[in-house]
Amino acid sequence: MNSLTTKTLIISLITLGIFFSAAIQDSEIAAQELAKEQVVVLGLTTGDIGTVDPHGGMTVQDRFLHPHIFGSLVRHPIGESNSLDFQPDLATKWSISADKLTWTFHLRKGVKWHWGYGEFTAEDVLYSLNRVKNGKTSAFRGAYDNFKEFKAIDKYTVQITTAKPEPFLLTKVTNYYGGFVVCKKAMEKAGAFDRGMAPVKEEAVGTGPFKFLEYKPKDRVTLVRNDEYWGEKLIIEKLVGKYIASDGARELALLKGEIAATIGQHDYKWLKHVMSKGVISHIRGRGADRLEGPVLQLENEAL
């Protein structure tokens, strides 16, 4: 059961770093409701999971998982994936050498891996970078061909050297595609690459605000709040992604209050229909700040 007081529809025109969100009309009432139950269920648009391994691919159904579970050296502002206004995440600051070939990242201290796997350090960053460059363990190997050398200066400082200047290097160490940092100790324990339909918890050990708790095939995946997260403490205790491949079934679940949010259809008439039922529409992504309203946004961008 959801702890939100209004039905919410998220219309996503492009893939976002954090795929879903929810809007509340009355924040005071919402806070009271969340304090009682602190669980949010989201309607996912596919029938099952792809992979919990962030280097194994970025399929639609897994864009819900990775940004919530894993951290990255830098990140896009929440709700954006094209912005070049990068923000600190697992790296607190960074610099580039005069010859534009060496990038130095200073890591956040005291960050803990989920489920008791210890402190995040430069060793995990080097492991992740070498892993994402390896075609046997990464679906993104080609994007990292220019990455020449990785070096740990100390426990909290990493250098990345490229063969030639890489002006968009930060886009490759952000919270998207191959930029997620995995836990060396947990991944080595998991052993196999991309277990697909049989994920194990070790594959999904991250530093993000939520921890991978449970997966039920063709039904749901459940994340639990990471109370040791280095950032702002969240209100939500559990975040559930329910797999509902059918557009009609997701709409019905939304209107019945079984899910709090989902991705909408890119159809003007359908949008008017669900909004007439009390659903709130939020336009996210490319051009969202340039148009006057949700209906116009949807009509111009998606149809």
C-alpha atoms as a PDB file:
ATOM      1  CA  MET A   1       0.000   0.000   0.000  1.00  0.00           C
ATOM      2  CA  ASN A   2       1.328   3.431  -0.871  1.00  0.00           C
ATOM      3  CA  SER A   3       1.811   6.166   1.666  1.00  0.00           C
ATOM      4  CA  LEU A   4       1.113   9.003  -0.788  1.00  0.00           C
ATOM      5  CA  THR A   5      -2.027  11.090  -0.550  1.00  0.00           C
ATOM      6  CA  THR A   6      -2.445  11.834  -4.268  1.00  0.00           C
ATOM      7  CA  LYS A   7      -2.205   9.769  -7.428  1.00  0.00           C
ATOM      8  CA  THR A   8       0.819  10.775  -9.437  1.00  0.00           C
ATOM      9  CA  LEU A   9       1.794  10.221 -13.058  1.00  0.00           C
ATOM     10  CA  ILE A  10       5.337  10.794 -14.260  1.00  0.00           C
ATOM     11  CA  ILE A  11       5.735  11.464 -17.986  1.00  0.00           C
ATOM     12  CA  SER A  12       9.370  10.931 -18.950  1.00  0.00           C
ATOM     13  CA  LEU A  13      10.438  12.145 -22.367  1.00  0.00           C
ATOM     14  CA  ILE A  14      14.016  10.962 -22.011  1.00  0.00           C
ATOM     15  CA  THR A  15      15.811   8.655 -19.612  1.00  0.00           C
ATOM     16  CA  LEU A  16      16.661  10.390 -16.360  1.00  0.00           C
ATOM     17  CA  GLY A  17      19.298   9.695 -13.732  1.00  0.00           C
ATOM     18  CA  ILE A  18      16.584   9.065 -11.196  1.00  0.00           C
ATOM     19  CA  PHE A  19      13.749   7.611 -13.224  1.00  0.00           C
ATOM     20  CA  PHE A  20      10.752   8.139 -10.959  1.00  0.00           C
ATOM     21  CA  SER A  21       9.563  10.716  -8.471  1.00  0.00           C
ATOM     22  CA  ALA A  22       6.285  11.604  -6.828  1.00  0.00           C
ATOM     23  CA  ALA A  23       4.411  14.851  -6.239  1.00  0.00           C
ATOM     24  CA  ILE A  24       2.227  15.671  -3.265  1.00  0.00           C
ATOM     25  CA  GLN A  25      -0.332  18.465  -3.316  1.00  0.00           C
ATOM     26  CA  ASP A  26      -0.489  18.864   0.443  1.00  0.00           C
ATOM     27  CA  SER A  27       3.010  18.428   1.862  1.00  0.00           C
ATOM     28  CA  GLU A  28       1.847  18.613   5.475  1.00  0.00           C
ATOM     29  CA  ILE A  29      -0.710  15.831   5.044  1.00  0.00           C
ATOM     30  CA  ALA A  30       1.819  13.840   3.010  1.00  0.00           C
ATOM     31  CA  ALA A  31       4.399  14.073   5.764  1.00  0.00           C
ATOM     32  CA  GLN A  32       1.861  12.715   8.260  1.00  0.00           C
ATOM     33  CA  GLU A  33       0.976   9.814   5.965  1.00  0.00           C
ATOM     34  CA  LEU A  34       4.618   8.996   5.221  1.00  0.00           C
ATOM     35  CA  ALA A  35       5.407   8.963   8.925  1.00  0.00           C
ATOM     36  CA  LYS A  36       2.889   6.126   9.345  1.00  0.00           C
ATOM     37  CA  GLU A  37       3.945   3.888   6.483  1.00  0.00           C
ATOM     38  CA  GLN A  38       7.000   5.137   4.562  1.00  0.00           C
ATOM     39  CA  VAL A  39       6.613   2.759   1.604  1.00  0.00           C
ATOM     40  CA  VAL A  40       6.277   3.801  -2.042  1.00  0.00           C
ATOM     41  CA  VAL A  41       5.333   1.421  -4.865  1.00  0.00           C
ATOM     42  CA  LEU A  42       6.183   2.420  -8.432  1.00  0.00           C
ATOM     43  CA  GLY A  43       4.813   0.850 -11.608  1.00  0.00           C
ATOM     44  CA  LEU A  44       7.622  -0.331 -13.902  1.00  0.00           C
ATOM     45  CA  THR A  45       6.873  -0.599 -17.611  1.00  0.00           C
ATOM     46  CA  THR A  46       8.346  -4.049 -18.273  1.00  0.00           C
ATOM     47  CA  GLY A  47       7.547  -7.581 -17.207  1.00  0.00           C
ATOM     48  CA  ASP A  48      10.726  -8.436 -15.322  1.00  0.00           C
ATOM     49  CA  ILE A  49      14.228  -7.442 -14.301  1.00  0.00           C
ATOM     50  CA  GLY A  50      17.179  -7.280 -16.696  1.00  0.00           C
ATOM     51  CA  THR A  51      20.297  -7.148 -14.511  1.00  0.00           C
ATOM     52  CA  VAL A  52      21.166  -5.564 -11.194  1.00  0.00           C
ATOM     53  CA  ASP A  53      24.796  -5.267 -12.361  1.00  0.00           C
ATOM     54  CA  PRO A  54      25.202  -1.631 -13.497  1.00  0.00           C
ATOM     55  CA  HIS A  55      27.993  -2.574 -15.914  1.00  0.00           C
ATOM     56  CA  GLY A  56      25.889  -5.297 -17.499  1.00  0.00           C
ATOM     57  CA  GLY A  57      23.657  -2.946 -19.454  1.00  0.00           C
ATOM     58  CA  MET A  58      21.167  -0.109 -19.134  1.00  0.00           C
ATOM     59  CA  THR A  59      17.811  -1.551 -20.040  1.00  0.00           C
ATOM     60  CA  VAL A  60      14.557   0.270 -19.367  1.00  0.00           C
ATOM     61  CA  GLN A  61      13.519  -1.905 -16.445  1.00  0.00           C
ATOM     62  CA  ASP A  62      16.836  -1.423 -14.642  1.00  0.00           C
ATOM     63  CA  ARG A  63      17.026   2.366 -14.858  1.00  0.00           C
ATOM     64  CA  PHE A  64      14.912   2.293 -11.724  1.00  0.00           C
ATOM     65  CA  LEU A  65      17.520   0.260  -9.833  1.00  0.00           C
ATOM     66  CA  HIS A  66      20.983   1.582 -10.579  1.00  0.00           C
ATOM     67  CA  PRO A  67      20.758   5.284  -9.614  1.00  0.00           C
ATOM     68  CA  HIS A  68      19.108   4.413  -6.309  1.00  0.00           C
ATOM     69  CA  ILE A  69      21.593   1.686  -5.358  1.00  0.00           C
ATOM     70  CA  PHE A  70      24.931   2.841  -6.759  1.00  0.00           C
ATOM     71  CA  GLY A  71      26.971   6.012  -6.535  1.00  0.00           C
ATOM     72  CA  SER A  72      29.363   7.536  -9.071  1.00  0.00           C
ATOM     73  CA  LEU A  73      32.275   9.952  -8.956  1.00  0.00           C
ATOM     74  CA  VAL A  74      30.041  12.814 -10.104  1.00  0.00           C
ATOM     75  CA  ARG A  75      26.334  13.056 -10.841  1.00  0.00           C
ATOM     76  CA  HIS A  76      23.821  14.944 -12.919  1.00  0.00           C
ATOM     77  CA  PRO A  77      21.407  17.222 -11.099  1.00  0.00           C
ATOM     78  CA  ILE A  78      18.345  15.229  -9.996  1.00  0.00           C
ATOM     79  CA  GLY A  79      15.825  14.932 -12.820  1.00  0.00           C
ATOM     80  CA  GLU A  80      18.337  15.620 -15.604  1.00  0.00           C
ATOM     81  CA  SER A  81      20.595  13.459 -17.745  1.00  0.00           C
ATOM     82  CA  ASN A  82      21.883  15.933 -20.348  1.00  0.00           C
ATOM     83  CA  SER A  83      23.111  18.683 -18.031  1.00  0.00           C
ATOM     84  CA  LEU A  84      26.860  19.394 -17.953  1.00  0.00           C
ATOM     85  CA  ASP A  85      26.475  21.021 -14.551  1.00  0.00           C
ATOM     86  CA  PHE A  86      28.015  18.064 -12.731  1.00  0.00           C
ATOM     87  CA  GLN A  87      27.709  17.762  -8.981  1.00  0.00           C
ATOM     88  CA  PRO A  88      29.924  15.981  -6.442  1.00  0.00           C
ATOM     89  CA  ASP A  89      28.932  12.457  -5.482  1.00  0.00           C
ATOM     90  CA  LEU A  90      31.596   9.953  -4.421  1.00  0.00           C
ATOM     91  CA  ALA A  91      34.193  12.531  -5.471  1.00  0.00           C
ATOM     92  CA  THR A  92      34.021  15.835  -3.616  1.00  0.00           C
ATOM     93  CA  LYS A  93      36.213  17.737  -6.093  1.00  0.00           C
ATOM     94  CA  TRP A  94      38.262  17.153  -9.241  1.00  0.00           C
ATOM     95  CA  SER A  95      40.826  18.842 -11.462  1.00  0.00           C
ATOM     96  CA  ILE A  96      42.518  18.368 -14.832  1.00  0.00           C
ATOM     97  CA  SER A  97      46.199  18.700 -15.700  1.00  0.00           C
ATOM     98  CA  ALA A  98      47.598  21.426 -17.950  1.00  0.00           C
ATOM     99  CA  ASP A  99      48.011  18.976 -20.838  1.00  0.00           C
ATOM    100  CA  LYS A 100      44.341  17.924 -20.464  1.00  0.00           C
ATOM    101  CA  LEU A 101      45.290  14.250 -20.138  1.00  0.00           C
ATOM    102  CA  THR A 102      45.133  13.543 -16.403  1.00  0.00           C
ATOM    103  CA  TRP A 103      42.083  13.994 -14.206  1.00  0.00           C
ATOM    104  CA  THR A 104      42.425  13.866 -10.423  1.00  0.00           C
ATOM    105  CA  PHE A 105      39.432  12.997  -8.224  1.00  0.00           C
ATOM    106  CA  HIS A 106      39.400  13.505  -4.474  1.00  0.00           C
ATOM    107  CA  LEU A 107      37.069  10.954  -2.891  1.00  0.00           C
ATOM    108  CA  ARG A 108      34.517  11.412  -0.153  1.00  0.00           C
ATOM    109  CA  LYS A 109      35.734   9.948   3.151  1.00  0.00           C
ATOM    110  CA  GLY A 110      33.692   7.753   5.466  1.00  0.00           C
ATOM    111  CA  VAL A 111      31.286   6.421   2.805  1.00  0.00           C
ATOM    112  CA  LYS A 112      30.118   2.888   3.636  1.00  0.00           C
ATOM    113  CA  TRP A 113      29.131   0.099   1.306  1.00  0.00           C
ATOM    114  CA  HIS A 114      25.775  -1.565   1.839  1.00  0.00           C
ATOM    115  CA  TRP A 115      25.365  -4.675   3.997  1.00  0.00           C
ATOM    116  CA  GLY A 116      28.579  -4.353   5.991  1.00  0.00           C
ATOM    117  CA  TYR A 117      31.092  -4.416   3.130  1.00  0.00           C
ATOM    118  CA  GLY A 118      33.249  -1.722   4.680  1.00  0.00           C
ATOM    119  CA  GLU A 119      34.436   1.688   3.544  1.00  0.00           C
ATOM    120  CA  PHE A 120      34.449   2.938  -0.026  1.00  0.00           C
ATOM    121  CA  THR A 121      38.027   3.733  -1.178  1.00  0.00           C
ATOM    122  CA  ALA A 122      40.146   4.373  -4.264  1.00  0.00           C
ATOM    123  CA  GLU A 123      40.563   0.603  -4.655  1.00  0.00           C
ATOM    124  CA  ASP A 124      36.874   0.278  -5.528  1.00  0.00           C
ATOM    125  CA  VAL A 125      37.092   3.077  -8.093  1.00  0.00           C
ATOM    126  CA  LEU A 126      40.061   1.438  -9.831  1.00  0.00           C
ATOM    127  CA  TYR A 127      38.279  -1.922  -9.796  1.00  0.00           C
ATOM    128  CA  SER A 128      35.156  -0.371 -11.337  1.00  0.00           C
ATOM    129  CA  LEU A 129      37.079   1.509 -14.036  1.00  0.00           C
ATOM    130  CA  ASN A 130      39.048  -1.582 -15.046  1.00  0.00           C
ATOM    131  CA  ARG A 131      35.846  -3.613 -15.022  1.00  0.00           C
ATOM    132  CA  VAL A 132      33.936  -1.197 -17.260  1.00  0.00           C
ATOM    133  CA  LYS A 133      36.851  -1.235 -19.752  1.00  0.00           C
ATOM    134  CA  ASN A 134      36.758  -5.025 -19.953  1.00  0.00           C
ATOM    135  CA  GLY A 135      34.522  -6.350 -22.720  1.00  0.00           C
ATOM    136  CA  LYS A 136      33.959  -9.574 -20.761  1.00  0.00           C
ATOM    137  CA  THR A 137      32.407  -7.745 -17.820  1.00  0.00           C
ATOM    138  CA  SER A 138      31.009  -4.572 -19.355  1.00  0.00           C
ATOM    139  CA  ALA A 139      28.388  -3.585 -21.906  1.00  0.00           C
ATOM    140  CA  PHE A 140      30.019  -0.147 -22.220  1.00  0.00           C
ATOM    141  CA  ARG A 141      33.602  -1.030 -23.083  1.00  0.00           C
ATOM    142  CA  GLY A 142      33.695   1.000 -26.301  1.00  0.00           C
ATOM    143  CA  ALA A 143      32.995   4.284 -24.540  1.00  0.00           C
ATOM    144  CA  TYR A 144      36.176   3.909 -22.493  1.00  0.00           C
ATOM    145  CA  ASP A 145      38.733   3.170 -25.214  1.00  0.00           C
ATOM    146  CA  ASN A 146      40.490   6.490 -24.593  1.00  0.00           C
ATOM    147  CA  PHE A 147      40.977   5.732 -20.895  1.00  0.00           C
ATOM    148  CA  LYS A 148      44.658   4.799 -20.739  1.00  0.00           C
ATOM    149  CA  GLU A 149      45.652   4.410 -17.079  1.00  0.00           C
ATOM    150  CA  PHE A 150      44.071   4.440 -13.611  1.00  0.00           C
ATOM    151  CA  LYS A 151      46.109   5.157 -10.505  1.00  0.00           C
ATOM    152  CA  ALA A 152      45.387   5.438  -6.786  1.00  0.00           C
ATOM    153  CA  ILE A 153      47.522   8.262  -5.372  1.00  0.00           C
ATOM    154  CA  ASP A 154      46.311   7.347  -1.894  1.00  0.00           C
ATOM    155  CA  LYS A 155      43.241   5.827  -0.244  1.00  0.00           C
ATOM    156  CA  TYR A 156      41.077   8.804  -1.203  1.00  0.00           C
ATOM    157  CA  THR A 157      42.626  10.099  -4.431  1.00  0.00           C
ATOM    158  CA  VAL A 158      42.324   8.635  -7.928  1.00  0.00           C
ATOM    159  CA  GLN A 159      43.852   9.705 -11.227  1.00  0.00           C
ATOM    160  CA  ILE A 160      42.521   8.865 -14.671  1.00  0.00           C
ATOM    161  CA  THR A 161      44.894   9.372 -17.607  1.00  0.00           C
ATOM    162  CA  THR A 162      43.611   9.385 -21.181  1.00  0.00           C
ATOM    163  CA  ALA A 163      45.505   8.748 -24.412  1.00  0.00           C
ATOM    164  CA  LYS A 164      44.279  12.065 -25.819  1.00  0.00           C
ATOM    165  CA  PRO A 165      42.232  14.886 -24.322  1.00  0.00           C
ATOM    166  CA  GLU A 166      38.746  13.740 -23.306  1.00  0.00           C
ATOM    167  CA  PRO A 167      36.585  16.882 -22.983  1.00  0.00           C
ATOM    168  CA  PHE A 168      33.527  14.864 -21.978  1.00  0.00           C
ATOM    169  CA  LEU A 169      35.246  12.609 -19.451  1.00  0.00           C
ATOM    170  CA  LEU A 170      32.872  13.622 -16.669  1.00  0.00           C
ATOM    171  CA  THR A 171      29.942  12.228 -18.659  1.00  0.00           C
ATOM    172  CA  LYS A 172      31.608   8.802 -18.391  1.00  0.00           C
ATOM    173  CA  VAL A 173      32.058   8.836 -14.624  1.00  0.00           C
ATOM    174  CA  THR A 174      28.594  10.146 -13.823  1.00  0.00           C
ATOM    175  CA  ASN A 175      25.471   8.314 -12.644  1.00  0.00           C
ATOM    176  CA  TYR A 176      24.577   6.901 -16.033  1.00  0.00           C
ATOM    177  CA  TYR A 177      25.680   3.917 -18.126  1.00  0.00           C
ATOM    178  CA  GLY A 178      29.201   2.805 -17.126  1.00  0.00           C
ATOM    179  CA  GLY A 179      29.837   5.474 -14.502  1.00  0.00           C
ATOM    180  CA  PHE A 180      28.465   3.630 -11.481  1.00  0.00           C
ATOM    181  CA  VAL A 181      31.046   2.465  -8.933  1.00  0.00           C
ATOM    182  CA  VAL A 182      30.724  -1.113  -7.660  1.00  0.00           C
ATOM    183  CA  CYS A 183      32.139  -2.745  -4.536  1.00  0.00           C
ATOM    184  CA  LYS A 184      35.259  -4.778  -5.325  1.00  0.00           C
ATOM    185  CA  LYS A 185      34.868  -7.134  -2.375  1.00  0.00           C
ATOM    186  CA  ALA A 186      31.187  -7.852  -3.074  1.00  0.00           C
ATOM    187  CA  MET A 187      31.619  -8.320  -6.830  1.00  0.00           C
ATOM    188  CA  GLU A 188      34.506 -10.710  -6.346  1.00  0.00           C
ATOM    189  CA  LYS A 189      32.353 -12.694  -3.937  1.00  0.00           C
ATOM    190  CA  ALA A 190      29.471 -12.779  -6.421  1.00  0.00           C
ATOM    191  CA  GLY A 191      31.828 -14.250  -9.002  1.00  0.00           C
ATOM    192  CA  ALA A 192      29.763 -14.528 -12.168  1.00  0.00           C
ATOM    193  CA  PHE A 193      28.970 -11.621 -14.472  1.00  0.00           C
ATOM    194  CA  ASP A 194      25.359 -10.645 -15.128  1.00  0.00           C
ATOM    195  CA  ARG A 195      23.260 -13.286 -13.421  1.00  0.00           C
ATOM    196  CA  GLY A 196      20.245 -11.799 -15.149  1.00  0.00           C
ATOM    197  CA  MET A 197      17.080 -13.425 -13.872  1.00  0.00           C
ATOM    198  CA  ALA A 198      18.804 -14.845 -10.778  1.00  0.00           C
ATOM    199  CA  PRO A 199      20.399 -11.776  -9.154  1.00  0.00           C
ATOM    200  CA  VAL A 200      22.233 -12.100  -5.862  1.00  0.00           C
ATOM    201  CA  LYS A 201      22.614  -9.384  -3.245  1.00  0.00           C
ATOM    202  CA  GLU A 202      26.397  -9.246  -3.752  1.00  0.00           C
ATOM    203  CA  GLU A 203      25.916  -7.954  -7.296  1.00  0.00           C
ATOM    204  CA  ALA A 204      23.955  -4.991  -6.003  1.00  0.00           C
ATOM    205  CA  VAL A 205      26.111  -3.668  -3.175  1.00  0.00           C
ATOM    206  CA  GLY A 206      26.400   0.069  -3.634  1.00  0.00           C
ATOM    207  CA  THR A 207      26.765   3.317  -1.715  1.00  0.00           C
ATOM    208  CA  GLY A 208      23.444   4.874  -2.755  1.00  0.00           C
ATOM    209  CA  PRO A 209      20.418   5.920  -0.699  1.00  0.00           C
ATOM    210  CA  PHE A 210      18.677   2.539  -1.119  1.00  0.00           C
ATOM    211  CA  LYS A 211      19.851  -1.065  -0.698  1.00  0.00           C
ATOM    212  CA  PHE A 212      18.773  -4.052  -2.803  1.00  0.00           C
ATOM    213  CA  LEU A 213      16.584  -6.170  -0.512  1.00  0.00           C
ATOM    214  CA  GLU A 214      14.470  -8.643  -2.477  1.00  0.00           C
ATOM    215  CA  TYR A 215      13.529  -9.716  -5.989  1.00  0.00           C
ATOM    216  CA  LYS A 216      10.434 -11.728  -6.929  1.00  0.00           C
ATOM    217  CA  PRO A 217      10.541 -12.883 -10.576  1.00  0.00           C
ATOM    218  CA  LYS A 218       7.989 -11.179 -12.841  1.00  0.00           C
ATOM    219  CA  ASP A 219       6.486  -9.457  -9.820  1.00  0.00           C
ATOM    220  CA  ARG A 220       8.599  -6.865  -7.997  1.00  0.00           C
ATOM    221  CA  VAL A 221      11.953  -5.724  -6.713  1.00  0.00           C
ATOM    222  CA  THR A 222      12.220  -4.143  -3.276  1.00  0.00           C
ATOM    223  CA  LEU A 223      14.791  -1.623  -2.083  1.00  0.00           C
ATOM    224  CA  VAL A 224      15.210  -0.594   1.533  1.00  0.00           C
ATOM    225  CA  ARG A 225      16.495   2.731   2.826  1.00  0.00           C
ATOM    226  CA  ASN A 226      20.235   2.910   3.488  1.00  0.00           C
ATOM    227  CA  ASP A 227      20.409   4.406   6.970  1.00  0.00           C
ATOM    228  CA  GLU A 228      24.191   4.789   6.622  1.00  0.00           C
ATOM    229  CA  TYR A 229      23.935   6.887   3.473  1.00  0.00           C
ATOM    230  CA  TRP A 230      26.380   9.798   3.514  1.00  0.00           C
ATOM    231  CA  GLY A 231      23.817  12.244   2.137  1.00  0.00           C
ATOM    232  CA  GLU A 232      20.477  13.546   3.326  1.00  0.00           C
ATOM    233  CA  LYS A 233      18.385  11.024   5.258  1.00  0.00           C
ATOM    234  CA  LEU A 234      15.304   9.951   3.308  1.00  0.00           C
ATOM    235  CA  ILE A 235      11.720   9.725   4.556  1.00  0.00           C
ATOM    236  CA  ILE A 236      10.896   6.658   2.450  1.00  0.00           C
ATOM    237  CA  GLU A 237      11.823   3.364   4.139  1.00  0.00           C
ATOM    238  CA  LYS A 238      11.039   1.015   1.263  1.00  0.00           C
ATOM    239  CA  LEU A 239      10.901   1.619  -2.468  1.00  0.00           C
ATOM    240  CA  VAL A 240       9.140  -1.096  -4.467  1.00  0.00           C
ATOM    241  CA  GLY A 241       9.297  -1.439  -8.234  1.00  0.00           C
ATOM    242  CA  LYS A 242       6.350  -3.524  -9.454  1.00  0.00           C
ATOM    243  CA  TYR A 243       6.671  -5.048 -12.937  1.00  0.00           C
ATOM    244  CA  ILE A 244       3.531  -4.286 -14.976  1.00  0.00           C
ATOM    245  CA  ALA A 245       4.152  -4.604 -18.711  1.00  0.00           C
ATOM    246  CA  SER A 246       0.578  -3.782 -19.761  1.00  0.00           C
ATOM    247  CA  ASP A 247      -0.281  -0.083 -20.189  1.00  0.00           C
ATOM    248  CA  GLY A 248      -3.872  -0.765 -19.218  1.00  0.00           C
ATOM    249  CA  ALA A 249      -2.922  -2.701 -16.106  1.00  0.00           C
ATOM    250  CA  ARG A 250      -0.569   0.062 -14.966  1.00  0.00           C
ATOM    251  CA  GLU A 251      -3.257   2.698 -15.497  1.00  0.00           C
ATOM    252  CA  LEU A 252      -5.738   0.662 -13.457  1.00  0.00           C
ATOM    253  CA  ALA A 253      -3.186   0.117 -10.688  1.00  0.00           C
ATOM    254  CA  LEU A 254      -2.493   3.854 -10.605  1.00  0.00           C
ATOM    255  CA  LEU A 255      -6.163   4.822 -10.443  1.00  0.00           C
ATOM    256  CA  LYS A 256      -6.820   2.239  -7.713  1.00  0.00           C
ATOM    257  CA  GLY A 257      -3.919   3.544  -5.636  1.00  0.00           C
ATOM    258  CA  GLU A 258      -1.930   0.306  -5.867  1.00  0.00           C
ATOM    259  CA  ILE A 259       1.084   2.203  -7.255  1.00  0.00           C
ATOM    260  CA  ALA A 260       2.120   5.783  -6.544  1.00  0.00           C
ATOM    261  CA  ALA A 261       3.666   6.664  -9.904  1.00  0.00           C
ATOM    262  CA  THR A 262       4.486   5.311 -13.332  1.00  0.00           C
ATOM    263  CA  ILE A 263       5.582   6.339 -16.806  1.00  0.00           C
ATOM    264  CA  GLY A 264       2.705   7.575 -18.950  1.00  0.00           C
ATOM    265  CA  GLN A 265       1.787   6.992 -22.557  1.00  0.00           C
ATOM    266  CA  HIS A 266       2.918   9.636 -25.066  1.00  0.00           C
ATOM    267  CA  ASP A 267      -0.622  10.320 -26.194  1.00  0.00           C
ATOM    268  CA  TYR A 268      -2.550  13.576 -25.828  1.00  0.00           C
ATOM    269  CA  LYS A 269      -6.015  12.023 -25.461  1.00  0.00           C
ATOM    270  CA  TRP A 270      -4.796   9.474 -22.951  1.00  0.00           C
ATOM    271  CA  LEU A 271      -3.155  12.216 -20.897  1.00  0.00           C
ATOM    272  CA  LYS A 272      -6.400  14.207 -20.770  1.00  0.00           C
ATOM    273  CA  HIS A 273      -8.249  11.032 -19.790  1.00  0.00           C
ATOM    274  CA  VAL A 274      -6.070  10.168 -16.787  1.00  0.00           C
ATOM    275  CA  MET A 275      -5.845  13.797 -15.661  1.00  0.00           C
ATOM    276  CA  SER A 276      -9.657  13.897 -15.592  1.00  0.00           C
ATOM    277  CA  LYS A 277      -9.454  11.047 -13.068  1.00  0.00           C
ATOM    278  CA  GLY A 278      -7.373  13.144 -10.671  1.00  0.00           C
ATOM    279  CA  VAL A 279      -3.927  11.975 -11.791  1.00  0.00           C
ATOM    280  CA  ILE A 280      -1.161  14.567 -11.605  1.00  0.00           C
ATOM    281  CA  SER A 281       1.080  14.862 -14.674  1.00  0.00           C
ATOM    282  CA  HIS A 282       4.728  15.892 -14.483  1.00  0.00           C
ATOM    283  CA  ILE A 283       6.739  16.480 -17.637  1.00  0.00           C
ATOM    284  CA  ARG A 284      10.407  15.643 -17.205  1.00  0.00           C
ATOM    285  CA  GLY A 285      13.329  15.800 -19.605  1.00  0.00           C
ATOM    286  CA  ARG A 286      14.273  17.625 -22.774  1.00  0.00           C
ATOM    287  CA  GLY A 287      12.618  21.008 -23.165  1.00  0.00           C
ATOM    288  CA  ALA A 288      10.525  20.742 -20.005  1.00  0.00           C
ATOM    289  CA  ASP A 289      11.449  24.286 -18.966  1.00  0.00           C
ATOM    290  CA  ARG A 290      10.639  25.875 -22.329  1.00  0.00           C
ATOM    291  CA  LEU A 291       6.957  25.112 -22.733  1.00  0.00           C
ATOM    292  CA  GLU A 292       3.938  26.423 -20.915  1.00  0.00           C
ATOM    293  CA  GLY A 293       2.249  23.346 -19.502  1.00  0.00           C
ATOM    294  CA  PRO A 294       2.127  19.558 -19.308  1.00  0.00           C
ATOM    295  CA  VAL A 295      -0.334  19.069 -22.180  1.00  0.00           C
ATOM    296  CA  LEU A 296       1.591  21.380 -24.521  1.00  0.00           C
ATOM    297  CA  GLN A 297       4.861  19.790 -23.460  1.00  0.00           C
ATOM    298  CA  LEU A 298       3.593  16.317 -24.204  1.00  0.00           C
ATOM    299  CA  GLU A 299       2.049  17.342 -27.485  1.00  0.00           C
ATOM    300  CA  ASN A 300       5.144  19.077 -28.831  1.00  0.00           C
ATOM    301  CA  GLU A 301       7.819  16.733 -27.533  1.00  0.00           C
ATOM    302  CA  ALA A 302       6.286  13.286 -27.711  1.00  0.00           C
ATOM    303  CA  LEU A 303       3.708  13.130 -30.487  1.00  0.00           C
END
